[in-house]
Amino acid sequence: MRHFDVAIVGTGHGGAQAAIQLRQLGFAGSIGLIGREPDLPYERPPLSKDYLAGEREYDRLLIRPAPFWRERGIELLTGREVIGIDPKRRRLSCADGVEIGYGNLIWAAGGVPKRLACPGAALAHVIRSRADVDRLREALDAARRVAVIGGGYIGLETAAVLRKLGKEVILLEALDRVLARVAGEPLSRFVEARHRAEGVDVRLGASVAAIEEGAVTLASGTTIVCDLVVAGIGIDAAAAPLLDAGALGGNGLLVDPFCRTSLAGVWAIGDC
């Protein structure tokens, strides 16, 4: 069984920067950086912007190049999903049956895309990982008209890029304004107006009832004909293994001012 003085679960910004900072501060113990994706740690924010638009290649998303991690003695365990934790024995259980021991644990597993609860929800593309965007880019080749569900940052950024790529875009937001959960009304109206000026068909109060090949049906009964559907309705915190192990929290993990969870030797950072 592998053992690390500090195990970090999650290879996004939070996890990667925690590993980098430990070395910068002179920590000499072993560090394991564990991620469920097969890729080196990379930036997520450009996925729905430059990467989707084809203006930025994967290599330019990397937080650090491959030699950086080796030179600093940070071991990358990519393609490995942690599904359980034993806080008393200080062990992690992975989906492939491997166990990993740790002295201290930093949980930076981020989140997973929320899925629509309507029939046909699985037909909608999501944007959270490089693989998600690669699948979407491939599907866009044959698409002319795209329905984007969700008027948050991801939905708006995706709509903007798709217009830039020459697609017809219908943006469907269930609430009465975009960015309703994160911005005041003046900013919401400004963003709506800007998207409309760029040719996005913004529809507010548009709750989705069902998705099928070639169409989205709204709760009002209206049918939106489209070639492709993208859903960007937020994320759920990837915190289940810690919550199952007794960590305090709910929609995410409860931490103190130093990011400590209620489990001994376990810290949590980032979207989770």
C-alpha atoms as a PDB file:
ATOM      1  CA  MET A   1       0.000   0.000   0.000  1.00  0.00           C
ATOM      2  CA  ARG A   2       1.249   3.449  -0.945  1.00  0.00           C
ATOM      3  CA  HIS A   3       1.593   5.953   1.888  1.00  0.00           C
ATOM      4  CA  PHE A   4       2.098   9.721   1.738  1.00  0.00           C
ATOM      5  CA  ASP A   5       2.860  12.172   4.492  1.00  0.00           C
ATOM      6  CA  VAL A   6       0.351  14.440   2.740  1.00  0.00           C
ATOM      7  CA  ALA A   7      -2.205  13.009   0.340  1.00  0.00           C
ATOM      8  CA  ILE A   8      -4.118  15.538  -1.767  1.00  0.00           C
ATOM      9  CA  VAL A   9      -7.319  14.386  -3.449  1.00  0.00           C
ATOM     10  CA  GLY A  10      -8.115  16.550  -6.459  1.00  0.00           C
ATOM     11  CA  THR A  11      -5.827  17.785  -9.220  1.00  0.00           C
ATOM     12  CA  GLY A  12      -7.531  21.091  -9.986  1.00  0.00           C
ATOM     13  CA  HIS A  13      -6.331  24.532  -8.941  1.00  0.00           C
ATOM     14  CA  GLY A  14      -6.838  23.927  -5.230  1.00  0.00           C
ATOM     15  CA  GLY A  15      -5.079  20.580  -5.008  1.00  0.00           C
ATOM     16  CA  ALA A  16      -2.246  21.490  -7.347  1.00  0.00           C
ATOM     17  CA  GLN A  17      -1.544  24.794  -5.618  1.00  0.00           C
ATOM     18  CA  ALA A  18      -1.588  23.122  -2.195  1.00  0.00           C
ATOM     19  CA  ALA A  19       1.134  20.721  -3.354  1.00  0.00           C
ATOM     20  CA  ILE A  20       3.173  23.546  -4.892  1.00  0.00           C
ATOM     21  CA  GLN A  21       2.848  25.694  -1.779  1.00  0.00           C
ATOM     22  CA  LEU A  22       3.947  22.880   0.523  1.00  0.00           C
ATOM     23  CA  ARG A  23       7.207  22.586  -1.403  1.00  0.00           C
ATOM     24  CA  GLN A  24       7.666  26.350  -1.582  1.00  0.00           C
ATOM     25  CA  LEU A  25       7.319  26.517   2.198  1.00  0.00           C
ATOM     26  CA  GLY A  26      10.015  23.869   2.638  1.00  0.00           C
ATOM     27  CA  PHE A  27       7.909  20.796   3.372  1.00  0.00           C
ATOM     28  CA  ALA A  28      10.187  17.800   2.726  1.00  0.00           C
ATOM     29  CA  GLY A  29       7.782  14.901   3.321  1.00  0.00           C
ATOM     30  CA  SER A  30       6.146  12.779   0.650  1.00  0.00           C
ATOM     31  CA  ILE A  31       3.237  14.278  -1.301  1.00  0.00           C
ATOM     32  CA  GLY A  32       0.732  12.372  -3.400  1.00  0.00           C
ATOM     33  CA  LEU A  33      -1.605  14.263  -5.732  1.00  0.00           C
ATOM     34  CA  ILE A  34      -4.560  12.035  -6.612  1.00  0.00           C
ATOM     35  CA  GLY A  35      -7.098  12.797  -9.349  1.00  0.00           C
ATOM     36  CA  ARG A  36      -9.898  10.934 -11.098  1.00  0.00           C
ATOM     37  CA  GLU A  37      -9.037  12.378 -14.510  1.00  0.00           C
ATOM     38  CA  PRO A  38      -6.152  10.940 -16.579  1.00  0.00           C
ATOM     39  CA  ASP A  39      -4.674  14.373 -17.312  1.00  0.00           C
ATOM     40  CA  LEU A  40      -1.968  16.373 -15.615  1.00  0.00           C
ATOM     41  CA  PRO A  41      -3.333  19.170 -13.384  1.00  0.00           C
ATOM     42  CA  TYR A  42      -4.879  21.822 -15.637  1.00  0.00           C
ATOM     43  CA  GLU A  43      -6.913  25.021 -15.441  1.00  0.00           C
ATOM     44  CA  ARG A  44     -10.689  24.581 -15.633  1.00  0.00           C
ATOM     45  CA  PRO A  45     -11.921  28.173 -16.203  1.00  0.00           C
ATOM     46  CA  PRO A  46     -10.725  28.283 -19.860  1.00  0.00           C
ATOM     47  CA  LEU A  47     -12.678  25.101 -20.708  1.00  0.00           C
ATOM     48  CA  SER A  48     -15.900  26.999 -21.399  1.00  0.00           C
ATOM     49  CA  LYS A  49     -14.058  29.839 -23.117  1.00  0.00           C
ATOM     50  CA  ASP A  50     -10.753  29.614 -25.013  1.00  0.00           C
ATOM     51  CA  TYR A  51     -10.545  25.809 -25.053  1.00  0.00           C
ATOM     52  CA  LEU A  52     -14.117  25.353 -26.301  1.00  0.00           C
ATOM     53  CA  ALA A  53     -13.479  28.003 -28.941  1.00  0.00           C
ATOM     54  CA  GLY A  54     -10.366  26.174 -30.127  1.00  0.00           C
ATOM     55  CA  GLU A  55      -8.173  29.178 -29.332  1.00  0.00           C
ATOM     56  CA  ARG A  56      -6.145  27.505 -26.611  1.00  0.00           C
ATOM     57  CA  GLU A  57      -4.627  24.024 -26.812  1.00  0.00           C
ATOM     58  CA  TYR A  58      -4.495  21.536 -23.951  1.00  0.00           C
ATOM     59  CA  ASP A  59      -0.781  22.063 -23.297  1.00  0.00           C
ATOM     60  CA  ARG A  60      -1.505  25.718 -22.531  1.00  0.00           C
ATOM     61  CA  LEU A  61      -4.061  24.707 -19.888  1.00  0.00           C
ATOM     62  CA  LEU A  62      -1.506  22.878 -17.762  1.00  0.00           C
ATOM     63  CA  ILE A  63      -0.889  24.391 -14.340  1.00  0.00           C
ATOM     64  CA  ARG A  64       2.700  23.133 -14.586  1.00  0.00           C
ATOM     65  CA  PRO A  65       4.450  20.911 -17.185  1.00  0.00           C
ATOM     66  CA  ALA A  66       5.129  17.256 -16.401  1.00  0.00           C
ATOM     67  CA  PRO A  67       8.809  17.680 -15.373  1.00  0.00           C
ATOM     68  CA  PHE A  68       7.833  20.208 -12.672  1.00  0.00           C
ATOM     69  CA  TRP A  69       6.059  17.590 -10.573  1.00  0.00           C
ATOM     70  CA  ARG A  70       8.897  15.058 -10.841  1.00  0.00           C
ATOM     71  CA  GLU A  71      11.552  17.626 -10.006  1.00  0.00           C
ATOM     72  CA  ARG A  72       9.724  18.588  -6.819  1.00  0.00           C
ATOM     73  CA  GLY A  73       8.987  15.076  -5.704  1.00  0.00           C
ATOM     74  CA  ILE A  74       5.227  15.415  -6.034  1.00  0.00           C
ATOM     75  CA  GLU A  75       3.830  12.070  -7.144  1.00  0.00           C
ATOM     76  CA  LEU A  76       0.852  12.240  -9.495  1.00  0.00           C
ATOM     77  CA  LEU A  77      -1.701   9.444  -9.264  1.00  0.00           C
ATOM     78  CA  THR A  78      -4.008  10.340 -12.151  1.00  0.00           C
ATOM     79  CA  GLY A  79      -6.975   8.309 -13.345  1.00  0.00           C
ATOM     80  CA  ARG A  80      -7.669   7.196  -9.787  1.00  0.00           C
ATOM     81  CA  GLU A  81     -10.976   7.993  -8.104  1.00  0.00           C
ATOM     82  CA  VAL A  82     -11.161   8.009  -4.300  1.00  0.00           C
ATOM     83  CA  ILE A  83     -14.509   6.612  -3.177  1.00  0.00           C
ATOM     84  CA  GLY A  84     -13.983   6.089   0.545  1.00  0.00           C
ATOM     85  CA  ILE A  85     -11.967   7.185   3.548  1.00  0.00           C
ATOM     86  CA  ASP A  86     -11.193   5.511   6.877  1.00  0.00           C
ATOM     87  CA  PRO A  87     -10.233   8.465   9.106  1.00  0.00           C
ATOM     88  CA  LYS A  88      -9.183   6.275  12.038  1.00  0.00           C
ATOM     89  CA  ARG A  89      -6.731   4.184  10.011  1.00  0.00           C
ATOM     90  CA  ARG A  90      -5.985   7.155   7.751  1.00  0.00           C
ATOM     91  CA  ARG A  91      -6.581   5.264   4.548  1.00  0.00           C
ATOM     92  CA  LEU A  92      -8.209   6.128   1.244  1.00  0.00           C
ATOM     93  CA  SER A  93     -10.084   3.555  -0.843  1.00  0.00           C
ATOM     94  CA  CYS A  94     -10.047   3.928  -4.626  1.00  0.00           C
ATOM     95  CA  ALA A  95     -12.572   2.684  -7.170  1.00  0.00           C
ATOM     96  CA  ASP A  96     -10.023   0.209  -8.550  1.00  0.00           C
ATOM     97  CA  GLY A  97      -9.575  -1.433  -5.134  1.00  0.00           C
ATOM     98  CA  VAL A  98      -6.260   0.255  -4.309  1.00  0.00           C
ATOM     99  CA  GLU A  99      -5.790   1.677  -0.805  1.00  0.00           C
ATOM    100  CA  ILE A 100      -3.588   4.682  -0.053  1.00  0.00           C
ATOM    101  CA  GLY A 101      -2.377   5.636   3.402  1.00  0.00           C
ATOM    102  CA  TYR A 102      -1.836   9.197   4.544  1.00  0.00           C
ATOM    103  CA  GLY A 103      -0.491  11.196   7.457  1.00  0.00           C
ATOM    104  CA  ASN A 104      -2.557  14.261   6.624  1.00  0.00           C
ATOM    105  CA  LEU A 105      -5.196  14.659   3.934  1.00  0.00           C
ATOM    106  CA  ILE A 106      -6.181  17.678   1.848  1.00  0.00           C
ATOM    107  CA  TRP A 107      -9.539  17.124   0.149  1.00  0.00           C
ATOM    108  CA  ALA A 108      -9.781  19.261  -2.996  1.00  0.00           C
ATOM    109  CA  ALA A 109     -12.032  17.051  -5.110  1.00  0.00           C
ATOM    110  CA  GLY A 110     -14.110  19.948  -6.444  1.00  0.00           C
ATOM    111  CA  GLY A 111     -17.580  19.193  -7.722  1.00  0.00           C
ATOM    112  CA  VAL A 112     -19.559  17.279 -10.309  1.00  0.00           C
ATOM    113  CA  PRO A 113     -22.038  18.853 -12.739  1.00  0.00           C
ATOM    114  CA  LYS A 114     -25.635  18.978 -11.585  1.00  0.00           C
ATOM    115  CA  ARG A 115     -27.882  16.941 -13.837  1.00  0.00           C
ATOM    116  CA  LEU A 116     -31.342  17.940 -14.927  1.00  0.00           C
ATOM    117  CA  ALA A 117     -34.107  15.882 -13.368  1.00  0.00           C
ATOM    118  CA  CYS A 118     -36.240  15.752 -16.510  1.00  0.00           C
ATOM    119  CA  PRO A 119     -36.649  12.857 -18.974  1.00  0.00           C
ATOM    120  CA  GLY A 120     -33.783  12.744 -21.467  1.00  0.00           C
ATOM    121  CA  ALA A 121     -31.381  14.634 -19.184  1.00  0.00           C
ATOM    122  CA  ALA A 122     -28.529  12.311 -20.185  1.00  0.00           C
ATOM    123  CA  LEU A 123     -28.688  13.702 -23.739  1.00  0.00           C
ATOM    124  CA  ALA A 124     -27.401  17.082 -22.562  1.00  0.00           C
ATOM    125  CA  HIS A 125     -23.677  17.832 -22.705  1.00  0.00           C
ATOM    126  CA  VAL A 126     -22.015  19.261 -19.601  1.00  0.00           C
ATOM    127  CA  ILE A 127     -18.818  21.263 -19.164  1.00  0.00           C
ATOM    128  CA  ARG A 128     -16.631  20.324 -16.232  1.00  0.00           C
ATOM    129  CA  SER A 129     -13.654  18.387 -17.572  1.00  0.00           C
ATOM    130  CA  ARG A 130     -11.420  18.443 -20.617  1.00  0.00           C
ATOM    131  CA  ALA A 131     -13.090  15.227 -21.797  1.00  0.00           C
ATOM    132  CA  ASP A 132     -16.521  16.892 -21.566  1.00  0.00           C
ATOM    133  CA  VAL A 133     -15.403  19.726 -23.824  1.00  0.00           C
ATOM    134  CA  ASP A 134     -13.661  17.396 -26.265  1.00  0.00           C
ATOM    135  CA  ARG A 135     -16.952  15.492 -26.703  1.00  0.00           C
ATOM    136  CA  LEU A 136     -18.863  18.744 -27.120  1.00  0.00           C
ATOM    137  CA  ARG A 137     -16.409  20.104 -29.700  1.00  0.00           C
ATOM    138  CA  GLU A 138     -16.745  16.930 -31.737  1.00  0.00           C
ATOM    139  CA  ALA A 139     -20.555  17.075 -31.601  1.00  0.00           C
ATOM    140  CA  LEU A 140     -20.566  20.746 -32.642  1.00  0.00           C
ATOM    141  CA  ASP A 141     -19.232  19.876 -36.075  1.00  0.00           C
ATOM    142  CA  ALA A 142     -22.673  18.635 -37.112  1.00  0.00           C
ATOM    143  CA  ALA A 143     -24.732  21.133 -35.100  1.00  0.00           C
ATOM    144  CA  ARG A 144     -26.234  24.380 -36.345  1.00  0.00           C
ATOM    145  CA  ARG A 145     -28.704  25.230 -33.561  1.00  0.00           C
ATOM    146  CA  VAL A 146     -27.802  24.715 -29.880  1.00  0.00           C
ATOM    147  CA  ALA A 147     -29.941  25.011 -26.758  1.00  0.00           C
ATOM    148  CA  VAL A 148     -27.984  26.047 -23.661  1.00  0.00           C
ATOM    149  CA  ILE A 149     -29.777  25.374 -20.381  1.00  0.00           C
ATOM    150  CA  GLY A 150     -28.734  27.594 -17.490  1.00  0.00           C
ATOM    151  CA  GLY A 151     -28.059  31.318 -17.209  1.00  0.00           C
ATOM    152  CA  GLY A 152     -25.121  31.115 -14.818  1.00  0.00           C
ATOM    153  CA  TYR A 153     -21.495  31.741 -15.709  1.00  0.00           C
ATOM    154  CA  ILE A 154     -20.950  28.431 -17.523  1.00  0.00           C
ATOM    155  CA  GLY A 155     -24.131  28.742 -19.584  1.00  0.00           C
ATOM    156  CA  LEU A 156     -23.425  32.353 -20.522  1.00  0.00           C
ATOM    157  CA  GLU A 157     -19.789  31.710 -21.402  1.00  0.00           C
ATOM    158  CA  THR A 158     -20.780  28.696 -23.491  1.00  0.00           C
ATOM    159  CA  ALA A 159     -23.469  30.684 -25.301  1.00  0.00           C
ATOM    160  CA  ALA A 160     -20.970  33.444 -26.096  1.00  0.00           C
ATOM    161  CA  VAL A 161     -18.415  31.007 -27.508  1.00  0.00           C
ATOM    162  CA  LEU A 162     -21.013  29.166 -29.573  1.00  0.00           C
ATOM    163  CA  ARG A 163     -22.126  32.450 -31.150  1.00  0.00           C
ATOM    164  CA  LYS A 164     -18.493  33.183 -31.896  1.00  0.00           C
ATOM    165  CA  LEU A 165     -18.368  29.820 -33.677  1.00  0.00           C
ATOM    166  CA  GLY A 166     -21.354  30.837 -35.791  1.00  0.00           C
ATOM    167  CA  LYS A 167     -24.003  28.684 -34.101  1.00  0.00           C
ATOM    168  CA  GLU A 168     -27.598  29.684 -33.462  1.00  0.00           C
ATOM    169  CA  VAL A 169     -27.994  29.726 -29.681  1.00  0.00           C
ATOM    170  CA  ILE A 170     -31.097  29.633 -27.490  1.00  0.00           C
ATOM    171  CA  LEU A 171     -30.301  30.255 -23.810  1.00  0.00           C
ATOM    172  CA  LEU A 172     -32.931  28.853 -21.429  1.00  0.00           C
ATOM    173  CA  GLU A 173     -33.004  30.156 -17.845  1.00  0.00           C
ATOM    174  CA  ALA A 174     -35.670  28.957 -15.402  1.00  0.00           C
ATOM    175  CA  LEU A 175     -35.529  32.119 -13.240  1.00  0.00           C
ATOM    176  CA  ASP A 176     -36.559  35.629 -14.240  1.00  0.00           C
ATOM    177  CA  ARG A 177     -33.004  36.818 -14.917  1.00  0.00           C
ATOM    178  CA  VAL A 178     -29.565  35.396 -15.613  1.00  0.00           C
ATOM    179  CA  LEU A 179     -26.914  35.256 -12.869  1.00  0.00           C
ATOM    180  CA  ALA A 180     -29.767  35.515 -10.351  1.00  0.00           C
ATOM    181  CA  ARG A 181     -27.876  33.639  -7.628  1.00  0.00           C
ATOM    182  CA  VAL A 182     -24.633  35.592  -7.887  1.00  0.00           C
ATOM    183  CA  ALA A 183     -25.321  39.115  -9.167  1.00  0.00           C
ATOM    184  CA  GLY A 184     -27.645  42.060  -8.655  1.00  0.00           C
ATOM    185  CA  GLU A 185     -30.377  42.836 -11.130  1.00  0.00           C
ATOM    186  CA  PRO A 186     -28.582  45.716 -12.944  1.00  0.00           C
ATOM    187  CA  LEU A 187     -25.691  43.423 -13.838  1.00  0.00           C
ATOM    188  CA  SER A 188     -28.089  40.631 -14.858  1.00  0.00           C
ATOM    189  CA  ARG A 189     -29.942  42.947 -17.239  1.00  0.00           C
ATOM    190  CA  PHE A 190     -26.699  44.287 -18.689  1.00  0.00           C
ATOM    191  CA  VAL A 191     -25.459  40.734 -19.408  1.00  0.00           C
ATOM    192  CA  GLU A 192     -28.815  39.731 -20.910  1.00  0.00           C
ATOM    193  CA  ALA A 193     -28.774  42.762 -23.202  1.00  0.00           C
ATOM    194  CA  ARG A 194     -25.204  42.102 -24.291  1.00  0.00           C
ATOM    195  CA  HIS A 195     -25.969  38.474 -25.161  1.00  0.00           C
ATOM    196  CA  ARG A 196     -29.076  39.452 -27.090  1.00  0.00           C
ATOM    197  CA  ALA A 197     -27.084  42.082 -28.980  1.00  0.00           C
ATOM    198  CA  GLU A 198     -24.675  39.311 -30.013  1.00  0.00           C
ATOM    199  CA  GLY A 199     -27.535  37.195 -31.344  1.00  0.00           C
ATOM    200  CA  VAL A 200     -28.269  34.878 -28.406  1.00  0.00           C
ATOM    201  CA  ASP A 201     -31.981  34.102 -28.046  1.00  0.00           C
ATOM    202  CA  VAL A 202     -32.287  34.558 -24.253  1.00  0.00           C
ATOM    203  CA  ARG A 203     -35.489  33.105 -22.808  1.00  0.00           C
ATOM    204  CA  LEU A 204     -36.238  33.699 -19.130  1.00  0.00           C
ATOM    205  CA  GLY A 205     -38.697  31.763 -16.956  1.00  0.00           C
ATOM    206  CA  ALA A 206     -38.051  28.812 -19.247  1.00  0.00           C
ATOM    207  CA  SER A 207     -38.145  25.583 -17.213  1.00  0.00           C
ATOM    208  CA  VAL A 208     -37.179  22.434 -19.090  1.00  0.00           C
ATOM    209  CA  ALA A 209     -39.648  19.550 -18.932  1.00  0.00           C
ATOM    210  CA  ALA A 210     -37.956  17.063 -21.264  1.00  0.00           C
ATOM    211  CA  ILE A 211     -35.097  16.596 -23.706  1.00  0.00           C
ATOM    212  CA  GLU A 212     -35.138  14.351 -26.745  1.00  0.00           C
ATOM    213  CA  GLU A 213     -33.074  14.004 -29.880  1.00  0.00           C
ATOM    214  CA  GLY A 214     -33.555  17.234 -31.786  1.00  0.00           C
ATOM    215  CA  ALA A 215     -35.724  19.109 -29.295  1.00  0.00           C
ATOM    216  CA  VAL A 216     -36.191  20.523 -25.809  1.00  0.00           C
ATOM    217  CA  THR A 217     -39.702  20.754 -24.376  1.00  0.00           C
ATOM    218  CA  LEU A 218     -40.418  23.489 -21.833  1.00  0.00           C
ATOM    219  CA  ALA A 219     -42.822  23.255 -18.904  1.00  0.00           C
ATOM    220  CA  SER A 220     -45.023  25.736 -20.788  1.00  0.00           C
ATOM    221  CA  GLY A 221     -45.415  23.193 -23.580  1.00  0.00           C
ATOM    222  CA  THR A 222     -43.198  25.104 -26.011  1.00  0.00           C
ATOM    223  CA  THR A 223     -40.853  22.954 -28.085  1.00  0.00           C
ATOM    224  CA  ILE A 224     -37.384  24.247 -28.932  1.00  0.00           C
ATOM    225  CA  VAL A 225     -35.973  22.563 -32.020  1.00  0.00           C
ATOM    226  CA  CYS A 226     -32.196  22.156 -31.782  1.00  0.00           C
ATOM    227  CA  ASP A 227     -29.345  19.933 -32.895  1.00  0.00           C
ATOM    228  CA  LEU A 228     -27.540  19.873 -29.561  1.00  0.00           C
ATOM    229  CA  VAL A 229     -28.198  20.589 -25.871  1.00  0.00           C
ATOM    230  CA  VAL A 230     -25.696  21.859 -23.290  1.00  0.00           C
ATOM    231  CA  ALA A 231     -26.651  22.027 -19.600  1.00  0.00           C
ATOM    232  CA  GLY A 232     -24.807  24.342 -17.235  1.00  0.00           C
ATOM    233  CA  ILE A 233     -26.900  24.446 -14.061  1.00  0.00           C
ATOM    234  CA  GLY A 234     -24.176  24.351 -11.428  1.00  0.00           C
ATOM    235  CA  ILE A 235     -22.269  21.696  -9.535  1.00  0.00           C
ATOM    236  CA  ASP A 236     -22.695  19.423  -6.529  1.00  0.00           C
ATOM    237  CA  ALA A 237     -19.784  19.295  -4.114  1.00  0.00           C
ATOM    238  CA  ALA A 238     -17.709  16.112  -4.458  1.00  0.00           C
ATOM    239  CA  ALA A 239     -17.728  15.496  -0.730  1.00  0.00           C
ATOM    240  CA  ALA A 240     -19.559  12.176  -0.320  1.00  0.00           C
ATOM    241  CA  PRO A 241     -16.590  10.049   0.888  1.00  0.00           C
ATOM    242  CA  LEU A 242     -15.843  12.471   3.727  1.00  0.00           C
ATOM    243  CA  LEU A 243     -19.497  12.977   4.637  1.00  0.00           C
ATOM    244  CA  ASP A 244     -19.982   9.202   4.700  1.00  0.00           C
ATOM    245  CA  ALA A 245     -16.994   8.985   7.047  1.00  0.00           C
ATOM    246  CA  GLY A 246     -18.627  11.378   9.490  1.00  0.00           C
ATOM    247  CA  ALA A 247     -17.334  14.787   8.420  1.00  0.00           C
ATOM    248  CA  LEU A 248     -19.686  17.651   9.223  1.00  0.00           C
ATOM    249  CA  GLY A 249     -21.320  19.284   6.229  1.00  0.00           C
ATOM    250  CA  GLY A 250     -24.116  18.885   3.733  1.00  0.00           C
ATOM    251  CA  ASN A 251     -23.903  20.646   0.394  1.00  0.00           C
ATOM    252  CA  GLY A 252     -20.143  20.740   0.868  1.00  0.00           C
ATOM    253  CA  LEU A 253     -17.840  20.276   3.824  1.00  0.00           C
ATOM    254  CA  LEU A 254     -17.863  22.397   6.967  1.00  0.00           C
ATOM    255  CA  VAL A 255     -14.406  23.804   7.741  1.00  0.00           C
ATOM    256  CA  ASP A 256     -12.915  26.147  10.330  1.00  0.00           C
ATOM    257  CA  PRO A 257     -10.941  29.332   9.479  1.00  0.00           C
ATOM    258  CA  PHE A 258      -7.899  27.144   8.748  1.00  0.00           C
ATOM    259  CA  CYS A 259      -9.817  24.833   6.358  1.00  0.00           C
ATOM    260  CA  ARG A 260      -9.831  21.962   8.844  1.00  0.00           C
ATOM    261  CA  THR A 261     -12.777  19.584   8.650  1.00  0.00           C
ATOM    262  CA  SER A 262     -14.248  17.862  11.701  1.00  0.00           C
ATOM    263  CA  LEU A 263     -12.130  14.767  10.904  1.00  0.00           C
ATOM    264  CA  ALA A 264      -8.669  14.667  12.480  1.00  0.00           C
ATOM    265  CA  GLY A 265      -5.895  15.356  10.005  1.00  0.00           C
ATOM    266  CA  VAL A 266      -8.255  16.266   7.169  1.00  0.00           C
ATOM    267  CA  TRP A 267      -8.472  19.673   5.473  1.00  0.00           C
ATOM    268  CA  ALA A 268     -10.843  20.684   2.654  1.00  0.00           C
ATOM    269  CA  ILE A 269     -10.410  23.443   0.050  1.00  0.00           C
ATOM    270  CA  GLY A 270     -11.981  24.610  -3.200  1.00  0.00           C
ATOM    271  CA  ASP A 271     -15.413  23.946  -4.630  1.00  0.00           C
ATOM    272  CA  CYS A 272     -16.127  21.061  -2.248  1.00  0.00           C
END
